[in-house]
Amino acid sequence: MFCIETEHFNLNRILLLSIGLWPYKRSIFVRLQGILFFSILSSFVILQLITLTIKKCTFDFFVKVCCTTIFFSIFAITYNMFWINTHSVKNLLDQLQYICNELKNEKEIAIITKYGNNAKRCTTIITSFATCSTFIATLLPVWPQILHIVLHKNESQSRPTIQLVPEYFDQEKYFYLLVFHINTVICIGAITATATATMLLGWIIYICGLFRVVSYRIEQAMTIEVLRNIHLENETVIYKEISDAIEIHCKTIKFSEFFSSTFQGSFFILISIGVISLSMNFFGVFQNLGQGNTESLILHIIGITVILIYMFIANYAGQEVTNHNNHIYFTAYNSRWYVAPLHAQKMLLFILQRSNKNFYINIGGIIAISLECFAALTKLSMSYFTVMYSMHE
């Protein structure tokens, strides 16, 4: 028995605690912290939308504001996704711990520990990447001034324009206040995206690990040594191993379905705005290429890169769940099931029928998370971009 929280989810716990989303020990201070952070993330989105009602709304300006608004709304949605589902997040952690506590021997624990270490490693890599990216992003607005001081230039220099801030603000007068606001939003948003994404990814990796334990139990039950000497004791062993494999398989599928149903509304919204944001950022790249606006071009390229990486990792993880479930089918099918006792064959038939169909992490029964889904979403984004570019021309 081991504690998944301290062994593999410790960094996730620290990240979620820092933004008030850890589901345990929800004090009044933590609740107020959640309200404050969500308000900060929402305020930036609202300020961007206000621009559309104040300034003359041309097509180019509309796309520019929407690119920023939709991208930063992802932070607010992911924060709200965990905030309103605090009880469900706690249940998911408790269910996963309960399933892991039922692992029988050291080899099964070694399997799940291996996958848990993979989840921990992915969390560390993603957190490191997000930290570096956030540090660079927060320096962008003030980098010209830092460079100006370092080079000891005496001539006066006008402050740079902050591309992410609505244009009706007096950026010269409120420069440092605006920089503080945007940097606060970026930091909270980056921690939110990293904490929630790595937590979701950790759960999916654990699902893969549990499916691998199912395959291991079938392999142990149908070993050549056991099947070669069929007697009453071995029949009992075979029956018990296959029964345990079916039990953990059913619990893992139930856990997966609860996982997808808990966040399916937020997932659907995130996928929709992700596709729209990707299309608009593609349009922004082509638009700024013609205008020679380098800073805006870089921001659009960053937006495209982040969304594509996020979408690919999510769909690749979903594909791995399908592959691990298929491995259960191949393990049972390739075993010497025809030598096993009759009641064991019937139980193996149950596993074959259950794992014969591809198992996907579904979102509302509409979207199946897989590499095929990633290709379809990317293609859909390019189609929307083509329509927007045709309208602009």
Protein backbone atom coordinates (compact mmCIF):
# COMPACT_ATOMS: atom_id res chain seq x y z
CA MET A 1 0.00 0.00 0.00
CA PHE A 2 1.26 3.48 -0.87
CA CYS A 3 -0.15 7.00 -0.89
CA ILE A 4 -0.51 8.34 -4.43
CA GLU A 5 -0.74 11.91 -3.14
CA THR A 6 2.68 11.93 -1.51
CA GLU A 7 4.34 9.52 -3.96
CA HIS A 8 3.27 10.89 -7.34
CA PHE A 9 0.90 13.87 -6.93
CA ASN A 10 2.96 15.95 -4.52
CA LEU A 11 3.93 18.60 -7.11
CA ASN A 12 0.34 18.69 -8.36
CA ARG A 13 -0.81 19.26 -4.80
CA ILE A 14 1.60 22.19 -4.38
CA LEU A 15 0.45 23.79 -7.64
CA LEU A 16 -3.24 23.40 -6.80
CA LEU A 17 -2.69 24.65 -3.23
CA SER A 18 -0.99 27.80 -4.55
CA ILE A 19 -4.16 28.82 -6.44
CA GLY A 20 -6.72 27.49 -3.95
CA LEU A 21 -7.90 24.46 -5.94
CA TRP A 22 -6.68 21.56 -3.79
CA PRO A 23 -9.88 19.72 -2.80
CA TYR A 24 -8.88 18.85 0.78
CA LYS A 25 -9.08 21.17 3.82
CA ARG A 26 -11.20 23.86 2.17
CA SER A 27 -11.00 26.68 4.71
CA ILE A 28 -12.65 30.08 4.38
CA PHE A 29 -9.30 31.58 3.38
CA VAL A 30 -8.97 29.07 0.53
CA ARG A 31 -12.48 29.88 -0.70
CA LEU A 32 -11.71 33.61 -0.67
CA GLN A 33 -8.46 32.89 -2.49
CA GLY A 34 -10.43 31.06 -5.19
CA ILE A 35 -12.85 33.96 -5.60
CA LEU A 36 -9.96 36.44 -5.87
CA PHE A 37 -8.00 34.48 -8.47
CA PHE A 38 -11.06 33.74 -10.59
CA SER A 39 -12.01 37.44 -10.48
CA ILE A 40 -8.51 38.44 -11.64
CA LEU A 41 -8.65 36.00 -14.57
CA SER A 42 -12.17 37.10 -15.51
CA SER A 43 -11.36 40.81 -15.22
CA PHE A 44 -8.83 40.66 -18.03
CA VAL A 45 -11.30 38.92 -20.33
CA ILE A 46 -14.00 41.48 -19.49
CA LEU A 47 -11.65 44.41 -20.17
CA GLN A 48 -10.88 42.96 -23.58
CA LEU A 49 -14.57 42.59 -24.43
CA ILE A 50 -15.28 46.18 -23.34
CA THR A 51 -13.00 47.33 -26.16
CA LEU A 52 -15.45 45.99 -28.75
CA THR A 53 -18.21 48.27 -27.39
CA ILE A 54 -16.05 51.43 -27.21
CA LYS A 55 -13.95 51.44 -30.37
CA LYS A 56 -15.06 51.14 -33.96
CA CYS A 57 -15.23 47.42 -34.57
CA THR A 58 -13.54 46.54 -37.87
CA PHE A 59 -12.95 42.93 -38.91
CA ASP A 60 -9.21 43.10 -38.23
CA PHE A 61 -9.74 44.70 -34.83
CA PHE A 62 -12.42 42.15 -33.96
CA VAL A 63 -10.06 39.27 -34.73
CA LYS A 64 -7.24 40.87 -32.72
CA VAL A 65 -9.38 41.32 -29.61
CA CYS A 66 -11.02 37.90 -29.93
CA CYS A 67 -7.64 36.15 -30.21
CA THR A 68 -6.56 37.59 -26.87
CA THR A 69 -9.98 37.22 -25.22
CA ILE A 70 -10.51 33.59 -26.20
CA PHE A 71 -6.96 32.57 -25.31
CA PHE A 72 -7.13 34.07 -21.81
CA SER A 73 -10.69 32.82 -21.27
CA ILE A 74 -9.19 29.31 -21.37
CA PHE A 75 -7.45 30.12 -18.06
CA ALA A 76 -10.71 31.25 -16.47
CA ILE A 77 -12.60 28.19 -17.73
CA THR A 78 -9.98 25.70 -16.52
CA TYR A 79 -9.91 27.42 -13.12
CA ASN A 80 -13.70 27.28 -12.88
CA MET A 81 -13.64 23.64 -14.05
CA PHE A 82 -11.78 22.53 -10.91
CA TRP A 83 -13.37 25.13 -8.63
CA ILE A 84 -16.99 24.03 -9.17
CA ASN A 85 -16.02 20.33 -9.22
CA THR A 86 -14.02 20.35 -5.99
CA HIS A 87 -16.05 17.49 -4.50
CA SER A 88 -15.69 15.40 -7.67
CA VAL A 89 -11.93 16.02 -7.79
CA LYS A 90 -11.68 14.76 -4.22
CA ASN A 91 -13.77 11.69 -5.14
CA LEU A 92 -11.50 10.94 -8.09
CA LEU A 93 -8.41 11.01 -5.88
CA ASP A 94 -10.11 8.85 -3.24
CA GLN A 95 -11.35 6.32 -5.83
CA LEU A 96 -7.90 6.05 -7.39
CA GLN A 97 -6.31 5.52 -3.99
CA TYR A 98 -8.91 2.85 -3.17
CA ILE A 99 -8.24 0.95 -6.41
CA CYS A 100 -4.47 1.11 -5.88
CA ASN A 101 -4.88 -0.20 -2.32
CA GLU A 102 -6.39 -3.38 -3.75
CA LEU A 103 -3.26 -4.32 -5.72
CA LYS A 104 -2.15 -7.71 -4.48
CA ASN A 105 1.58 -8.22 -4.92
CA GLU A 106 4.85 -6.38 -5.43
CA LYS A 107 4.85 -6.78 -9.22
CA GLU A 108 1.44 -5.12 -9.56
CA ILE A 109 2.56 -2.31 -7.25
CA ALA A 110 5.75 -2.00 -9.35
CA ILE A 111 3.63 -1.61 -12.50
CA ILE A 112 1.44 1.14 -11.06
CA THR A 113 4.49 2.80 -9.47
CA LYS A 114 6.17 2.90 -12.89
CA TYR A 115 3.16 4.67 -14.39
CA GLY A 116 2.93 6.96 -11.36
CA ASN A 117 6.56 7.93 -11.84
CA ASN A 118 5.79 8.67 -15.49
CA ALA A 119 2.98 10.98 -14.35
CA LYS A 120 5.34 12.67 -11.89
CA ARG A 121 7.99 13.07 -14.58
CA CYS A 122 5.50 14.60 -17.02
CA THR A 123 4.32 17.02 -14.33
CA THR A 124 7.91 18.12 -13.64
CA ILE A 125 8.69 18.65 -17.34
CA ILE A 126 5.47 20.57 -18.05
CA THR A 127 5.93 22.70 -14.92
CA SER A 128 9.52 23.55 -15.88
CA PHE A 129 8.46 24.49 -19.40
CA ALA A 130 5.58 26.62 -18.08
CA THR A 131 7.88 28.37 -15.59
CA CYS A 132 10.38 29.34 -18.28
CA SER A 133 7.64 30.45 -20.67
CA THR A 134 5.93 32.53 -17.98
CA PHE A 135 9.21 34.20 -17.01
CA ILE A 136 9.85 35.19 -20.64
CA ALA A 137 6.25 36.37 -21.16
CA THR A 138 6.32 38.60 -18.06
CA LEU A 139 9.57 40.22 -19.22
CA LEU A 140 8.33 41.06 -22.75
CA PRO A 141 6.57 44.36 -21.87
CA VAL A 142 9.53 45.71 -19.86
CA TRP A 143 12.38 44.14 -21.82
CA PRO A 144 13.13 47.29 -23.90
CA GLN A 145 13.42 49.36 -20.71
CA ILE A 146 15.67 46.76 -19.03
CA LEU A 147 17.88 46.73 -22.12
CA HIS A 148 17.92 50.53 -22.12
CA ILE A 149 19.16 50.60 -18.49
CA VAL A 150 21.74 47.85 -19.00
CA LEU A 151 23.26 49.61 -22.00
CA HIS A 152 23.41 52.90 -20.02
CA LYS A 153 21.74 54.98 -22.66
CA ASN A 154 21.13 58.60 -21.69
CA GLU A 155 18.60 59.52 -24.33
CA SER A 156 14.94 59.38 -23.40
CA GLN A 157 12.94 56.45 -24.64
CA SER A 158 9.17 56.16 -24.97
CA ARG A 159 7.64 53.17 -23.25
CA PRO A 160 6.74 50.24 -25.53
CA THR A 161 3.16 49.43 -26.43
CA ILE A 162 1.64 46.51 -24.56
CA GLN A 163 0.00 44.41 -27.25
CA LEU A 164 -2.30 42.48 -24.89
CA VAL A 165 -3.83 45.56 -23.25
CA PRO A 166 -6.94 47.27 -24.68
CA GLU A 167 -6.00 50.28 -26.76
CA TYR A 168 -8.30 52.78 -25.06
CA PHE A 169 -6.02 52.82 -21.98
CA ASP A 170 -3.38 55.50 -21.69
CA GLN A 171 -0.45 53.10 -21.69
CA GLU A 172 2.11 55.84 -21.14
CA LYS A 173 0.38 57.02 -17.96
CA TYR A 174 -0.66 53.63 -16.52
CA PHE A 175 2.24 51.59 -17.90
CA TYR A 176 3.45 49.94 -14.67
CA LEU A 177 -0.08 49.34 -13.39
CA LEU A 178 -1.02 47.65 -16.67
CA VAL A 179 2.18 45.59 -16.67
CA PHE A 180 1.45 44.47 -13.10
CA HIS A 181 -2.10 43.47 -14.07
CA ILE A 182 -1.14 41.55 -17.20
CA ASN A 183 1.76 39.81 -15.46
CA THR A 184 -0.50 38.80 -12.57
CA VAL A 185 -3.00 37.32 -15.02
CA ILE A 186 -0.24 35.48 -16.90
CA CYS A 187 1.23 34.01 -13.70
CA ILE A 188 -2.11 32.88 -12.26
CA GLY A 189 -3.21 31.60 -15.67
CA ALA A 190 0.02 29.69 -16.23
CA ILE A 191 -0.18 28.03 -12.80
CA THR A 192 -3.86 27.20 -13.39
CA ALA A 193 -3.24 25.68 -16.82
CA THR A 194 -0.22 23.73 -15.56
CA ALA A 195 -1.85 22.47 -12.35
CA THR A 196 -5.12 21.36 -13.97
CA ALA A 197 -3.52 19.90 -17.10
CA THR A 198 -0.95 17.85 -15.17
CA MET A 199 -3.63 16.63 -12.76
CA LEU A 200 -5.83 15.46 -15.63
CA LEU A 201 -2.83 13.90 -17.36
CA GLY A 202 -1.85 12.12 -14.14
CA TRP A 203 -5.29 10.53 -13.85
CA ILE A 204 -5.14 9.33 -17.45
CA ILE A 205 -1.67 7.83 -16.96
CA TYR A 206 -2.94 6.00 -13.87
CA ILE A 207 -5.85 4.62 -15.94
CA CYS A 208 -3.29 3.24 -18.40
CA GLY A 209 -1.35 1.72 -15.50
CA LEU A 210 -4.46 0.00 -14.12
CA PHE A 211 -5.25 -1.45 -17.55
CA ARG A 212 -1.70 -2.79 -17.64
CA VAL A 213 -2.30 -4.46 -14.26
CA VAL A 214 -5.36 -6.18 -15.78
CA SER A 215 -3.19 -7.54 -18.60
CA TYR A 216 -0.62 -8.72 -16.07
CA ARG A 217 -3.25 -10.62 -14.05
CA ILE A 218 -4.49 -12.39 -17.18
CA GLU A 219 -0.93 -13.30 -18.12
CA GLN A 220 -0.31 -14.71 -14.64
CA ALA A 221 -3.53 -16.72 -14.70
CA MET A 222 -2.82 -18.24 -18.12
CA THR A 223 0.88 -19.06 -17.73
CA ILE A 224 2.09 -22.28 -19.33
CA GLU A 225 3.16 -23.71 -15.97
CA VAL A 226 -0.31 -23.31 -14.50
CA LEU A 227 -2.14 -24.64 -17.58
CA ARG A 228 0.20 -27.59 -17.94
CA ASN A 229 -0.86 -29.04 -14.58
CA ILE A 230 -4.60 -28.57 -14.37
CA HIS A 231 -5.96 -29.75 -11.03
CA LEU A 232 -8.39 -28.43 -8.47
CA GLU A 233 -5.92 -26.03 -6.83
CA ASN A 234 -4.75 -24.56 -10.15
CA GLU A 235 -8.35 -24.22 -11.35
CA THR A 236 -9.05 -22.15 -8.26
CA VAL A 237 -5.97 -20.00 -8.91
CA ILE A 238 -6.96 -19.42 -12.53
CA TYR A 239 -10.53 -18.56 -11.59
CA LYS A 240 -9.36 -16.17 -8.83
CA GLU A 241 -6.81 -14.38 -11.05
CA ILE A 242 -9.27 -13.87 -13.91
CA SER A 243 -11.98 -12.78 -11.48
CA ASP A 244 -9.61 -10.20 -9.95
CA ALA A 245 -8.64 -9.00 -13.45
CA ILE A 246 -12.30 -8.49 -14.37
CA GLU A 247 -12.95 -6.68 -11.10
CA ILE A 248 -10.15 -4.14 -11.50
CA HIS A 249 -11.02 -3.74 -15.19
CA CYS A 250 -14.60 -2.85 -14.32
CA LYS A 251 -13.48 -0.45 -11.57
CA THR A 252 -11.02 1.26 -13.94
CA ILE A 253 -13.69 1.71 -16.62
CA LYS A 254 -16.07 3.07 -14.00
CA PHE A 255 -13.36 5.47 -12.82
CA SER A 256 -12.70 6.58 -16.43
CA GLU A 257 -16.39 7.22 -17.08
CA PHE A 258 -16.74 9.22 -13.86
CA PHE A 259 -13.61 11.18 -14.82
CA SER A 260 -14.96 12.10 -18.27
CA SER A 261 -18.51 12.82 -17.04
CA THR A 262 -17.22 15.15 -14.30
CA PHE A 263 -15.47 17.50 -16.73
CA GLN A 264 -17.37 16.84 -19.96
CA GLY A 265 -19.09 20.26 -20.01
CA SER A 266 -15.82 22.14 -19.47
CA PHE A 267 -13.97 19.85 -21.90
CA PHE A 268 -16.53 20.56 -24.61
CA ILE A 269 -16.25 24.33 -24.09
CA LEU A 270 -12.44 24.17 -24.04
CA ILE A 271 -12.34 22.17 -27.28
CA SER A 272 -14.74 24.59 -28.99
CA ILE A 273 -12.89 27.75 -28.02
CA GLY A 274 -9.55 26.02 -28.67
CA VAL A 275 -10.56 25.38 -32.28
CA ILE A 276 -11.82 28.95 -32.69
CA SER A 277 -8.71 30.42 -31.06
CA LEU A 278 -6.44 28.33 -33.28
CA SER A 279 -8.27 29.55 -36.39
CA MET A 280 -8.06 33.18 -35.33
CA ASN A 281 -4.38 32.92 -34.46
CA PHE A 282 -3.65 31.40 -37.88
CA PHE A 283 -5.46 34.35 -39.39
CA GLY A 284 -3.51 36.75 -37.16
CA VAL A 285 -0.22 35.26 -38.38
CA PHE A 286 -1.07 35.84 -42.04
CA GLN A 287 -2.48 39.27 -41.26
CA ASN A 288 0.64 40.45 -39.41
CA LEU A 289 2.98 38.94 -41.97
CA GLY A 290 1.63 41.42 -44.50
CA GLN A 291 1.74 44.34 -42.06
CA GLY A 292 5.22 43.56 -40.68
CA ASN A 293 4.08 43.74 -37.03
CA THR A 294 6.73 41.50 -35.47
CA GLU A 295 5.55 41.60 -31.84
CA SER A 296 1.96 40.68 -32.68
CA LEU A 297 3.22 37.99 -35.04
CA ILE A 298 5.26 36.41 -32.23
CA LEU A 299 2.26 36.49 -29.88
CA HIS A 300 0.06 34.72 -32.46
CA ILE A 301 2.74 32.09 -33.07
CA ILE A 302 3.04 31.51 -29.31
CA GLY A 303 -0.74 31.13 -29.10
CA ILE A 304 -0.77 28.56 -31.93
CA THR A 305 2.12 26.62 -30.38
CA VAL A 306 0.54 26.46 -26.90
CA ILE A 307 -2.87 25.37 -28.19
CA LEU A 308 -1.43 22.72 -30.53
CA ILE A 309 0.80 21.28 -27.78
CA TYR A 310 -2.10 21.25 -25.33
CA MET A 311 -4.42 19.56 -27.84
CA PHE A 312 -1.81 17.01 -28.92
CA ILE A 313 -0.87 15.95 -25.37
CA ALA A 314 -4.53 15.58 -24.38
CA ASN A 315 -5.41 13.51 -27.45
CA TYR A 316 -2.23 11.44 -27.27
CA ALA A 317 -3.01 10.57 -23.64
CA GLY A 318 -6.53 9.56 -24.66
CA GLN A 319 -5.09 7.39 -27.43
CA GLU A 320 -2.85 5.65 -24.90
CA VAL A 321 -5.92 4.70 -22.84
CA THR A 322 -7.44 3.08 -25.94
CA ASN A 323 -4.18 1.27 -26.74
CA HIS A 324 -3.84 -0.10 -23.20
CA ASN A 325 -7.42 -1.36 -23.25
CA ASN A 326 -6.75 -3.03 -26.60
CA HIS A 327 -3.70 -4.69 -25.06
CA ILE A 328 -6.05 -6.45 -22.60
CA TYR A 329 -7.96 -7.92 -25.54
CA PHE A 330 -4.79 -9.10 -27.27
CA THR A 331 -3.45 -10.59 -24.03
CA ALA A 332 -6.63 -12.60 -23.45
CA TYR A 333 -6.95 -13.59 -27.12
CA ASN A 334 -3.34 -14.76 -27.46
CA SER A 335 -3.40 -16.78 -24.24
CA ARG A 336 -4.01 -20.53 -24.24
CA TRP A 337 -7.64 -20.02 -23.25
CA TYR A 338 -8.70 -23.27 -24.93
CA VAL A 339 -6.68 -25.28 -22.36
CA ALA A 340 -8.21 -23.50 -19.37
CA PRO A 341 -11.13 -24.94 -17.40
CA LEU A 342 -14.60 -24.27 -18.81
CA HIS A 343 -15.65 -21.70 -16.19
CA ALA A 344 -12.37 -19.83 -16.76
CA GLN A 345 -13.01 -19.81 -20.52
CA LYS A 346 -16.42 -18.23 -19.91
CA MET A 347 -14.83 -15.48 -17.82
CA LEU A 348 -12.19 -14.87 -20.49
CA LEU A 349 -15.00 -14.63 -23.03
CA PHE A 350 -16.50 -11.85 -20.90
CA ILE A 351 -13.20 -9.92 -21.02
CA LEU A 352 -12.91 -10.48 -24.79
CA GLN A 353 -16.42 -9.18 -25.39
CA ARG A 354 -15.89 -6.17 -23.11
CA SER A 355 -12.52 -5.16 -24.60
CA ASN A 356 -13.36 -6.11 -28.19
CA LYS A 357 -14.68 -2.62 -28.87
CA ASN A 358 -12.31 0.33 -28.64
CA PHE A 359 -12.61 2.13 -25.34
CA TYR A 360 -12.31 5.92 -25.55
CA ILE A 361 -12.51 8.75 -23.08
CA ASN A 362 -15.68 10.29 -24.46
CA ILE A 363 -16.90 13.84 -24.02
CA GLY A 364 -20.67 13.84 -23.93
CA GLY A 365 -20.77 10.82 -26.21
CA ILE A 366 -19.76 13.09 -29.12
CA ILE A 367 -15.99 13.48 -29.06
CA ALA A 368 -13.63 10.53 -28.50
CA ILE A 369 -10.21 11.71 -27.33
CA SER A 370 -7.63 10.19 -29.69
CA LEU A 371 -5.01 11.10 -32.28
CA GLU A 372 -7.73 10.91 -34.90
CA CYS A 373 -9.63 13.54 -32.91
CA PHE A 374 -6.52 15.77 -32.85
CA ALA A 375 -6.23 15.53 -36.65
CA ALA A 376 -9.94 16.30 -37.06
CA LEU A 377 -9.79 19.34 -34.75
CA THR A 378 -6.71 20.69 -36.53
CA LYS A 379 -8.38 20.21 -39.90
CA LEU A 380 -11.52 21.95 -38.62
CA SER A 381 -9.42 24.91 -37.41
CA MET A 382 -7.79 25.23 -40.82
CA SER A 383 -11.24 25.18 -42.45
CA TYR A 384 -12.44 28.04 -40.24
CA PHE A 385 -9.22 29.93 -40.98
CA THR A 386 -9.83 29.51 -44.72
CA VAL A 387 -13.35 30.91 -44.36
CA MET A 388 -12.08 33.90 -42.34
CA TYR A 389 -9.31 34.60 -44.81
CA SER A 390 -11.78 34.45 -47.72
CA MET A 391 -14.13 36.89 -45.95
CA HIS A 392 -11.26 39.27 -45.29
CA GLU A 393 -10.16 39.19 -48.92
